[in-house]
Amino acid sequence: MYFADADLECSGLCTGRDRDIVYDWKLTPTDKNNPGNLRIVGSSRKVGDDTVQVAGTGTFDLNVFVTFKCTAGPLVTALCNSQATVRFTQ
């Protein structure tokens, strides 16, 4: 089980809620010739849930693209993005 720890701050007086955060996960095996049986368990897109489970064994790059929706009043909505890739072996 892996989780995203992103700095999710929009500028100004913007506020957000966990249930409005979207996590898009991507797993890329590092050995292209022998990718093994690595895979993300369940959906690779999560809303309000910063965890992802990976099955299989091997070395892989795990990328998460985070979209954070925040509001500054009833009419103003901003989308902030953050992305990170980390290499793991399991």
PDB file of N, CA and C in Angstrom:
ATOM      1  N   MET A   1       0.853  -1.163   0.000  1.00  0.00           N
ATOM      2  CA  MET A   1       0.000   0.000   0.000  1.00  0.00           C
ATOM      3  C   MET A   1       0.903   1.230   0.000  1.00  0.00           C
ATOM      4  N   TYR A   2       0.624   2.156  -0.891  1.00  0.00           N
ATOM      5  CA  TYR A   2       1.382   3.395  -1.003  1.00  0.00           C
ATOM      6  C   TYR A   2       0.412   4.559  -0.870  1.00  0.00           C
ATOM      7  N   PHE A   3       0.938   5.720  -0.481  1.00  0.00           N
ATOM      8  CA  PHE A   3       0.071   6.885  -0.355  1.00  0.00           C
ATOM      9  C   PHE A   3       0.771   8.128  -0.874  1.00  0.00           C
ATOM     10  N   ALA A   4      -0.036   9.119  -1.231  1.00  0.00           N
ATOM     11  CA  ALA A   4       0.487  10.383  -1.742  1.00  0.00           C
ATOM     12  C   ALA A   4       0.511  11.396  -0.609  1.00  0.00           C
ATOM     13  N   ASP A   5       1.620  12.074  -0.484  1.00  0.00           N
ATOM     14  CA  ASP A   5       1.753  13.142   0.499  1.00  0.00           C
ATOM     15  C   ASP A   5       2.105  14.403  -0.279  1.00  0.00           C
ATOM     16  N   ALA A   6       1.088  15.042  -0.814  1.00  0.00           N
ATOM     17  CA  ALA A   6       1.306  16.180  -1.704  1.00  0.00           C
ATOM     18  C   ALA A   6       1.083  17.502  -0.977  1.00  0.00           C
ATOM     19  N   ASP A   7       1.818  18.511  -1.382  1.00  0.00           N
ATOM     20  CA  ASP A   7       1.623  19.864  -0.869  1.00  0.00           C
ATOM     21  C   ASP A   7       0.516  20.491  -1.703  1.00  0.00           C
ATOM     22  N   LEU A   8      -0.691  20.472  -1.162  1.00  0.00           N
ATOM     23  CA  LEU A   8      -1.865  20.894  -1.924  1.00  0.00           C
ATOM     24  C   LEU A   8      -2.352  22.252  -1.448  1.00  0.00           C
ATOM     25  N   GLU A   9      -1.651  23.271  -1.876  1.00  0.00           N
ATOM     26  CA  GLU A   9      -2.044  24.619  -1.512  1.00  0.00           C
ATOM     27  C   GLU A   9      -2.228  25.444  -2.769  1.00  0.00           C
ATOM     28  N   CYS A  10      -3.367  26.084  -2.859  1.00  0.00           N
ATOM     29  CA  CYS A  10      -3.597  27.054  -3.921  1.00  0.00           C
ATOM     30  C   CYS A  10      -3.313  28.427  -3.335  1.00  0.00           C
ATOM     31  N   SER A  11      -2.989  29.367  -4.187  1.00  0.00           N
ATOM     32  CA  SER A  11      -2.687  30.708  -3.695  1.00  0.00           C
ATOM     33  C   SER A  11      -3.962  31.429  -3.275  1.00  0.00           C
ATOM     34  N   GLY A  12      -3.790  32.432  -2.466  1.00  0.00           N
ATOM     35  CA  GLY A  12      -4.916  33.259  -2.052  1.00  0.00           C
ATOM     36  C   GLY A  12      -5.699  32.659  -0.901  1.00  0.00           C
ATOM     37  N   LEU A  13      -6.972  32.982  -0.844  1.00  0.00           N
ATOM     38  CA  LEU A  13      -7.840  32.560   0.250  1.00  0.00           C
ATOM     39  C   LEU A  13      -8.600  31.292  -0.094  1.00  0.00           C
ATOM     40  N   CYS A  14      -8.030  30.485  -0.927  1.00  0.00           N
ATOM     41  CA  CYS A  14      -8.677  29.279  -1.405  1.00  0.00           C
ATOM     42  C   CYS A  14      -8.700  28.205  -0.318  1.00  0.00           C
ATOM     43  N   THR A  15      -9.827  27.522  -0.179  1.00  0.00           N
ATOM     44  CA  THR A  15      -9.929  26.412   0.768  1.00  0.00           C
ATOM     45  C   THR A  15     -10.414  25.178   0.027  1.00  0.00           C
ATOM     46  N   GLY A  16     -10.027  24.018   0.523  1.00  0.00           N
ATOM     47  CA  GLY A  16     -10.408  22.780  -0.142  1.00  0.00           C
ATOM     48  C   GLY A  16     -10.782  21.705   0.850  1.00  0.00           C
ATOM     49  N   ARG A  17     -11.342  20.618   0.331  1.00  0.00           N
ATOM     50  CA  ARG A  17     -11.748  19.484   1.159  1.00  0.00           C
ATOM     51  C   ARG A  17     -11.153  18.210   0.575  1.00  0.00           C
ATOM     52  N   ASP A  18     -10.839  17.258   1.453  1.00  0.00           N
ATOM     53  CA  ASP A  18     -10.250  15.998   1.006  1.00  0.00           C
ATOM     54  C   ASP A  18     -11.101  15.307  -0.049  1.00  0.00           C
ATOM     55  N   ARG A  19     -12.403  15.391   0.080  1.00  0.00           N
ATOM     56  CA  ARG A  19     -13.277  14.679  -0.862  1.00  0.00           C
ATOM     57  C   ARG A  19     -13.223  15.267  -2.277  1.00  0.00           C
ATOM     58  N   ASP A  20     -12.602  16.427  -2.421  1.00  0.00           N
ATOM     59  CA  ASP A  20     -12.468  17.056  -3.736  1.00  0.00           C
ATOM     60  C   ASP A  20     -11.105  16.811  -4.376  1.00  0.00           C
ATOM     61  N   ILE A  21     -10.248  16.014  -3.736  1.00  0.00           N
ATOM     62  CA  ILE A  21      -8.919  15.743  -4.274  1.00  0.00           C
ATOM     63  C   ILE A  21      -8.978  14.477  -5.124  1.00  0.00           C
ATOM     64  N   VAL A  22      -8.464  14.561  -6.338  1.00  0.00           N
ATOM     65  CA  VAL A  22      -8.450  13.421  -7.262  1.00  0.00           C
ATOM     66  C   VAL A  22      -7.006  12.963  -7.437  1.00  0.00           C
ATOM     67  N   TYR A  23      -6.796  11.657  -7.265  1.00  0.00           N
ATOM     68  CA  TYR A  23      -5.481  11.039  -7.411  1.00  0.00           C
ATOM     69  C   TYR A  23      -5.514  10.105  -8.611  1.00  0.00           C
ATOM     70  N   ASP A  24      -4.678  10.367  -9.603  1.00  0.00           N
ATOM     71  CA  ASP A  24      -4.546   9.496 -10.768  1.00  0.00           C
ATOM     72  C   ASP A  24      -3.176   8.829 -10.697  1.00  0.00           C
ATOM     73  N   TRP A  25      -3.179   7.503 -10.502  1.00  0.00           N
ATOM     74  CA  TRP A  25      -1.964   6.726 -10.316  1.00  0.00           C
ATOM     75  C   TRP A  25      -1.554   6.025 -11.616  1.00  0.00           C
ATOM     76  N   LYS A  26      -0.236   5.912 -11.820  1.00  0.00           N
ATOM     77  CA  LYS A  26       0.290   5.177 -12.969  1.00  0.00           C
ATOM     78  C   LYS A  26       1.516   4.395 -12.506  1.00  0.00           C
ATOM     79  N   LEU A  27       1.554   3.118 -12.848  1.00  0.00           N
ATOM     80  CA  LEU A  27       2.664   2.248 -12.496  1.00  0.00           C
ATOM     81  C   LEU A  27       3.424   1.891 -13.762  1.00  0.00           C
ATOM     82  N   THR A  28       4.742   2.074 -13.738  1.00  0.00           N
ATOM     83  CA  THR A  28       5.578   1.743 -14.884  1.00  0.00           C
ATOM     84  C   THR A  28       6.729   0.851 -14.419  1.00  0.00           C
ATOM     85  N   PRO A  29       6.738  -0.430 -14.817  1.00  0.00           N
ATOM     86  CA  PRO A  29       7.872  -1.296 -14.472  1.00  0.00           C
ATOM     87  C   PRO A  29       9.162  -0.720 -15.070  1.00  0.00           C
ATOM     88  N   THR A  30      10.265  -0.826 -14.332  1.00  0.00           N
ATOM     89  CA  THR A  30      11.527  -0.258 -14.821  1.00  0.00           C
ATOM     90  C   THR A  30      12.231  -1.175 -15.810  1.00  0.00           C
ATOM     91  N   ASP A  31      11.941  -2.473 -15.760  1.00  0.00           N
ATOM     92  CA  ASP A  31      12.539  -3.422 -16.705  1.00  0.00           C
ATOM     93  C   ASP A  31      11.552  -3.654 -17.849  1.00  0.00           C
ATOM     94  N   LYS A  32      11.749  -2.945 -18.933  1.00  0.00           N
ATOM     95  CA  LYS A  32      10.816  -3.013 -20.068  1.00  0.00           C
ATOM     96  C   LYS A  32      10.781  -4.403 -20.714  1.00  0.00           C
ATOM     97  N   ASN A  33      11.905  -5.120 -20.678  1.00  0.00           N
ATOM     98  CA  ASN A  33      11.968  -6.445 -21.297  1.00  0.00           C
ATOM     99  C   ASN A  33      11.329  -7.530 -20.434  1.00  0.00           C
ATOM    100  N   ASN A  34      11.265  -7.285 -19.139  1.00  0.00           N
ATOM    101  CA  ASN A  34      10.683  -8.253 -18.220  1.00  0.00           C
ATOM    102  C   ASN A  34       9.850  -7.507 -17.177  1.00  0.00           C
ATOM    103  N   PRO A  35       8.659  -7.030 -17.566  1.00  0.00           N
ATOM    104  CA  PRO A  35       7.869  -6.200 -16.654  1.00  0.00           C
ATOM    105  C   PRO A  35       7.281  -6.968 -15.476  1.00  0.00           C
ATOM    106  N   GLY A  36       7.296  -8.289 -15.536  1.00  0.00           N
ATOM    107  CA  GLY A  36       6.778  -9.076 -14.410  1.00  0.00           C
ATOM    108  C   GLY A  36       5.271  -8.979 -14.294  1.00  0.00           C
ATOM    109  N   ASN A  37       4.787  -9.158 -13.081  1.00  0.00           N
ATOM    110  CA  ASN A  37       3.346  -9.190 -12.840  1.00  0.00           C
ATOM    111  C   ASN A  37       2.872  -8.006 -12.006  1.00  0.00           C
ATOM    112  N   LEU A  38       3.573  -6.901 -12.072  1.00  0.00           N
ATOM    113  CA  LEU A  38       3.193  -5.714 -11.303  1.00  0.00           C
ATOM    114  C   LEU A  38       1.903  -5.108 -11.844  1.00  0.00           C
ATOM    115  N   ARG A  39       1.046  -4.677 -10.919  1.00  0.00           N
ATOM    116  CA  ARG A  39      -0.195  -4.011 -11.333  1.00  0.00           C
ATOM    117  C   ARG A  39      -0.787  -3.259 -10.158  1.00  0.00           C
ATOM    118  N   ILE A  40      -1.587  -2.256 -10.473  1.00  0.00           N
ATOM    119  CA  ILE A  40      -2.360  -1.538  -9.464  1.00  0.00           C
ATOM    120  C   ILE A  40      -3.625  -2.335  -9.206  1.00  0.00           C
ATOM    121  N   VAL A  41      -3.928  -2.555  -7.935  1.00  0.00           N
ATOM    122  CA  VAL A  41      -5.133  -3.293  -7.545  1.00  0.00           C
ATOM    123  C   VAL A  41      -6.303  -2.307  -7.503  1.00  0.00           C
ATOM    124  N   GLY A  42      -7.373  -2.632  -8.210  1.00  0.00           N
ATOM    125  CA  GLY A  42      -8.537  -1.747  -8.237  1.00  0.00           C
ATOM    126  C   GLY A  42      -8.335  -0.584  -9.186  1.00  0.00           C
ATOM    127  N   SER A  43      -9.049   0.473  -8.939  1.00  0.00           N
ATOM    128  CA  SER A  43      -9.008   1.642  -9.810  1.00  0.00           C
ATOM    129  C   SER A  43      -7.723   2.440  -9.616  1.00  0.00           C
ATOM    130  N   SER A  44      -7.187   2.962 -10.711  1.00  0.00           N
ATOM    131  CA  SER A  44      -6.006   3.817 -10.620  1.00  0.00           C
ATOM    132  C   SER A  44      -6.408   5.280 -10.408  1.00  0.00           C
ATOM    133  N   ARG A  45      -7.683   5.555 -10.406  1.00  0.00           N
ATOM    134  CA  ARG A  45      -8.199   6.907 -10.155  1.00  0.00           C
ATOM    135  C   ARG A  45      -9.002   6.881  -8.859  1.00  0.00           C
ATOM    136  N   LYS A  46      -8.586   7.701  -7.902  1.00  0.00           N
ATOM    137  CA  LYS A  46      -9.240   7.750  -6.595  1.00  0.00           C
ATOM    138  C   LYS A  46      -9.678   9.181  -6.305  1.00  0.00           C
ATOM    139  N   VAL A  47     -10.826   9.313  -5.700  1.00  0.00           N
ATOM    140  CA  VAL A  47     -11.325  10.622  -5.293  1.00  0.00           C
ATOM    141  C   VAL A  47     -11.420  10.628  -3.768  1.00  0.00           C
ATOM    142  N   GLY A  48     -10.668  11.529  -3.135  1.00  0.00           N
ATOM    143  CA  GLY A  48     -10.682  11.633  -1.685  1.00  0.00           C
ATOM    144  C   GLY A  48      -9.936  10.525  -0.968  1.00  0.00           C
ATOM    145  N   ASP A  49      -9.214   9.686  -1.684  1.00  0.00           N
ATOM    146  CA  ASP A  49      -8.475   8.564  -1.106  1.00  0.00           C
ATOM    147  C   ASP A  49      -7.063   8.597  -1.664  1.00  0.00           C
ATOM    148  N   ASP A  50      -6.085   8.880  -0.800  1.00  0.00           N
ATOM    149  CA  ASP A  50      -4.706   9.062  -1.269  1.00  0.00           C
ATOM    150  C   ASP A  50      -3.880   7.781  -1.279  1.00  0.00           C
ATOM    151  N   THR A  51      -4.529   6.617  -1.208  1.00  0.00           N
ATOM    152  CA  THR A  51      -3.781   5.357  -1.173  1.00  0.00           C
ATOM    153  C   THR A  51      -3.977   4.552  -2.453  1.00  0.00           C
ATOM    154  N   VAL A  52      -2.977   3.725  -2.753  1.00  0.00           N
ATOM    155  CA  VAL A  52      -3.055   2.807  -3.881  1.00  0.00           C
ATOM    156  C   VAL A  52      -2.349   1.517  -3.469  1.00  0.00           C
ATOM    157  N   GLN A  53      -2.897   0.410  -3.894  1.00  0.00           N
ATOM    158  CA  GLN A  53      -2.296  -0.882  -3.593  1.00  0.00           C
ATOM    159  C   GLN A  53      -1.661  -1.445  -4.859  1.00  0.00           C
ATOM    160  N   VAL A  54      -0.435  -1.950  -4.719  1.00  0.00           N
ATOM    161  CA  VAL A  54       0.287  -2.523  -5.840  1.00  0.00           C
ATOM    162  C   VAL A  54       0.498  -4.010  -5.560  1.00  0.00           C
ATOM    163  N   ALA A  55       0.177  -4.842  -6.543  1.00  0.00           N
ATOM    164  CA  ALA A  55       0.381  -6.290  -6.440  1.00  0.00           C
ATOM    165  C   ALA A  55       1.534  -6.694  -7.334  1.00  0.00           C
ATOM    166  N   GLY A  56       2.166  -7.803  -6.994  1.00  0.00           N
ATOM    167  CA  GLY A  56       3.267  -8.329  -7.784  1.00  0.00           C
ATOM    168  C   GLY A  56       4.609  -7.986  -7.176  1.00  0.00           C
ATOM    169  N   THR A  57       5.652  -8.368  -7.872  1.00  0.00           N
ATOM    170  CA  THR A  57       7.004  -8.095  -7.397  1.00  0.00           C
ATOM    171  C   THR A  57       7.826  -7.479  -8.508  1.00  0.00           C
ATOM    172  N   GLY A  58       8.806  -6.685  -8.116  1.00  0.00           N
ATOM    173  CA  GLY A  58       9.690  -6.050  -9.072  1.00  0.00           C
ATOM    174  C   GLY A  58       9.975  -4.609  -8.695  1.00  0.00           C
ATOM    175  N   THR A  59      10.669  -3.926  -9.581  1.00  0.00           N
ATOM    176  CA  THR A  59      10.986  -2.514  -9.395  1.00  0.00           C
ATOM    177  C   THR A  59      10.140  -1.712 -10.368  1.00  0.00           C
ATOM    178  N   PHE A  60       9.577  -0.616  -9.870  1.00  0.00           N
ATOM    179  CA  PHE A  60       8.654   0.172 -10.693  1.00  0.00           C
ATOM    180  C   PHE A  60       8.691   1.627 -10.287  1.00  0.00           C
ATOM    181  N   ASP A  61       8.302   2.469 -11.232  1.00  0.00           N
ATOM    182  CA  ASP A  61       8.083   3.892 -10.957  1.00  0.00           C
ATOM    183  C   ASP A  61       6.595   4.070 -10.724  1.00  0.00           C
ATOM    184  N   LEU A  62       6.263   4.683  -9.608  1.00  0.00           N
ATOM    185  CA  LEU A  62       4.866   4.958  -9.276  1.00  0.00           C
ATOM    186  C   LEU A  62       4.651   6.455  -9.377  1.00  0.00           C
ATOM    187  N   ASN A  63       3.782   6.839 -10.284  1.00  0.00           N
ATOM    188  CA  ASN A  63       3.485   8.249 -10.531  1.00  0.00           C
ATOM    189  C   ASN A  63       2.090   8.557 -10.025  1.00  0.00           C
ATOM    190  N   VAL A  64       1.951   9.712  -9.397  1.00  0.00           N
ATOM    191  CA  VAL A  64       0.624  10.186  -9.006  1.00  0.00           C
ATOM    192  C   VAL A  64       0.467  11.623  -9.495  1.00  0.00           C
ATOM    193  N   PHE A  65      -0.663  11.869 -10.138  1.00  0.00           N
ATOM    194  CA  PHE A  65      -1.038  13.205 -10.585  1.00  0.00           C
ATOM    195  C   PHE A  65      -2.230  13.612  -9.739  1.00  0.00           C
ATOM    196  N   VAL A  66      -2.061  14.662  -8.948  1.00  0.00           N
ATOM    197  CA  VAL A  66      -3.070  15.074  -7.983  1.00  0.00           C
ATOM    198  C   VAL A  66      -3.737  16.355  -8.465  1.00  0.00           C
ATOM    199  N   THR A  67      -5.056  16.356  -8.472  1.00  0.00           N
ATOM    200  CA  THR A  67      -5.831  17.550  -8.803  1.00  0.00           C
ATOM    201  C   THR A  67      -6.609  17.948  -7.557  1.00  0.00           C
ATOM    202  N   PHE A  68      -6.409  19.159  -7.125  1.00  0.00           N
ATOM    203  CA  PHE A  68      -6.986  19.675  -5.898  1.00  0.00           C
ATOM    204  C   PHE A  68      -7.964  20.799  -6.245  1.00  0.00           C
ATOM    205  N   LYS A  69      -9.219  20.589  -5.927  1.00  0.00           N
ATOM    206  CA  LYS A  69     -10.241  21.606  -6.193  1.00  0.00           C
ATOM    207  C   LYS A  69     -10.418  22.443  -4.937  1.00  0.00           C
ATOM    208  N   CYS A  70     -10.306  23.740  -5.091  1.00  0.00           N
ATOM    209  CA  CYS A  70     -10.531  24.618  -3.944  1.00  0.00           C
ATOM    210  C   CYS A  70     -11.427  25.781  -4.345  1.00  0.00           C
ATOM    211  N   THR A  71     -12.071  26.344  -3.360  1.00  0.00           N
ATOM    212  CA  THR A  71     -13.011  27.431  -3.612  1.00  0.00           C
ATOM    213  C   THR A  71     -12.654  28.650  -2.777  1.00  0.00           C
ATOM    214  N   ALA A  72     -12.971  29.804  -3.319  1.00  0.00           N
ATOM    215  CA  ALA A  72     -12.793  31.080  -2.622  1.00  0.00           C
ATOM    216  C   ALA A  72     -14.099  31.840  -2.753  1.00  0.00           C
ATOM    217  N   GLY A  73     -15.114  31.349  -2.072  1.00  0.00           N
ATOM    218  CA  GLY A  73     -16.438  31.944  -2.176  1.00  0.00           C
ATOM    219  C   GLY A  73     -17.327  31.070  -3.036  1.00  0.00           C
ATOM    220  N   PRO A  74     -18.576  31.447  -3.175  1.00  0.00           N
ATOM    221  CA  PRO A  74     -19.531  30.593  -3.879  1.00  0.00           C
ATOM    222  C   PRO A  74     -19.333  30.537  -5.390  1.00  0.00           C
ATOM    223  N   LEU A  75     -18.643  31.483  -5.982  1.00  0.00           N
ATOM    224  CA  LEU A  75     -18.543  31.533  -7.432  1.00  0.00           C
ATOM    225  C   LEU A  75     -17.155  31.242  -7.985  1.00  0.00           C
ATOM    226  N   VAL A  76     -16.141  31.193  -7.143  1.00  0.00           N
ATOM    227  CA  VAL A  76     -14.779  31.042  -7.621  1.00  0.00           C
ATOM    228  C   VAL A  76     -14.255  29.656  -7.252  1.00  0.00           C
ATOM    229  N   THR A  77     -13.873  28.898  -8.266  1.00  0.00           N
ATOM    230  CA  THR A  77     -13.279  27.580  -8.048  1.00  0.00           C
ATOM    231  C   THR A  77     -11.969  27.508  -8.815  1.00  0.00           C
ATOM    232  N   ALA A  78     -10.953  26.988  -8.149  1.00  0.00           N
ATOM    233  CA  ALA A  78      -9.645  26.845  -8.785  1.00  0.00           C
ATOM    234  C   ALA A  78      -9.227  25.386  -8.749  1.00  0.00           C
ATOM    235  N   LEU A  79      -8.502  24.958  -9.761  1.00  0.00           N
ATOM    236  CA  LEU A  79      -7.922  23.619  -9.783  1.00  0.00           C
ATOM    237  C   LEU A  79      -6.414  23.756  -9.719  1.00  0.00           C
ATOM    238  N   CYS A  80      -5.822  23.138  -8.710  1.00  0.00           N
ATOM    239  CA  CYS A  80      -4.369  23.129  -8.572  1.00  0.00           C
ATOM    240  C   CYS A  80      -3.892  21.708  -8.824  1.00  0.00           C
ATOM    241  N   ASN A  81      -2.726  21.571  -9.412  1.00  0.00           N
ATOM    242  CA  ASN A  81      -2.194  20.253  -9.741  1.00  0.00           C
ATOM    243  C   ASN A  81      -0.815  20.064  -9.129  1.00  0.00           C
ATOM    244  N   SER A  82      -0.529  18.820  -8.806  1.00  0.00           N
ATOM    245  CA  SER A  82       0.789  18.436  -8.311  1.00  0.00           C
ATOM    246  C   SER A  82       1.057  17.032  -8.851  1.00  0.00           C
ATOM    247  N   GLN A  83       2.336  16.759  -9.150  1.00  0.00           N
ATOM    248  CA  GLN A  83       2.679  15.449  -9.705  1.00  0.00           C
ATOM    249  C   GLN A  83       3.997  14.992  -9.110  1.00  0.00           C
ATOM    250  N   ALA A  84       4.107  13.692  -8.871  1.00  0.00           N
ATOM    251  CA  ALA A  84       5.351  13.134  -8.349  1.00  0.00           C
ATOM    252  C   ALA A  84       5.527  11.704  -8.853  1.00  0.00           C
ATOM    253  N   THR A  85       6.780  11.307  -9.024  1.00  0.00           N
ATOM    254  CA  THR A  85       7.115   9.929  -9.396  1.00  0.00           C
ATOM    255  C   THR A  85       8.215   9.450  -8.461  1.00  0.00           C
ATOM    256  N   VAL A  86       8.015   8.254  -7.898  1.00  0.00           N
ATOM    257  CA  VAL A  86       9.003   7.664  -6.989  1.00  0.00           C
ATOM    258  C   VAL A  86       9.225   6.219  -7.416  1.00  0.00           C
ATOM    259  N   ARG A  87      10.465   5.759  -7.317  1.00  0.00           N
ATOM    260  CA  ARG A  87      10.806   4.374  -7.671  1.00  0.00           C
ATOM    261  C   ARG A  87      10.745   3.504  -6.414  1.00  0.00           C
ATOM    262  N   PHE A  88      10.104   2.346  -6.552  1.00  0.00           N
ATOM    263  CA  PHE A  88       9.965   1.392  -5.458  1.00  0.00           C
ATOM    264  C   PHE A  88      10.359   0.002  -5.934  1.00  0.00           C
ATOM    265  N   THR A  89      10.723  -0.844  -4.979  1.00  0.00           N
ATOM    266  CA  THR A  89      10.921  -2.271  -5.220  1.00  0.00           C
ATOM    267  C   THR A  89      10.152  -3.013  -4.163  1.00  0.00           C
ATOM    268  N   GLN A  90       9.397  -4.019  -4.604  1.00  0.00           N
ATOM    269  CA  GLN A  90       8.650  -4.841  -3.644  1.00  0.00           C
ATOM    270  C   GLN A  90       8.680  -6.281  -4.065  1.00  0.00           C
TER     271      GLN A  90
END
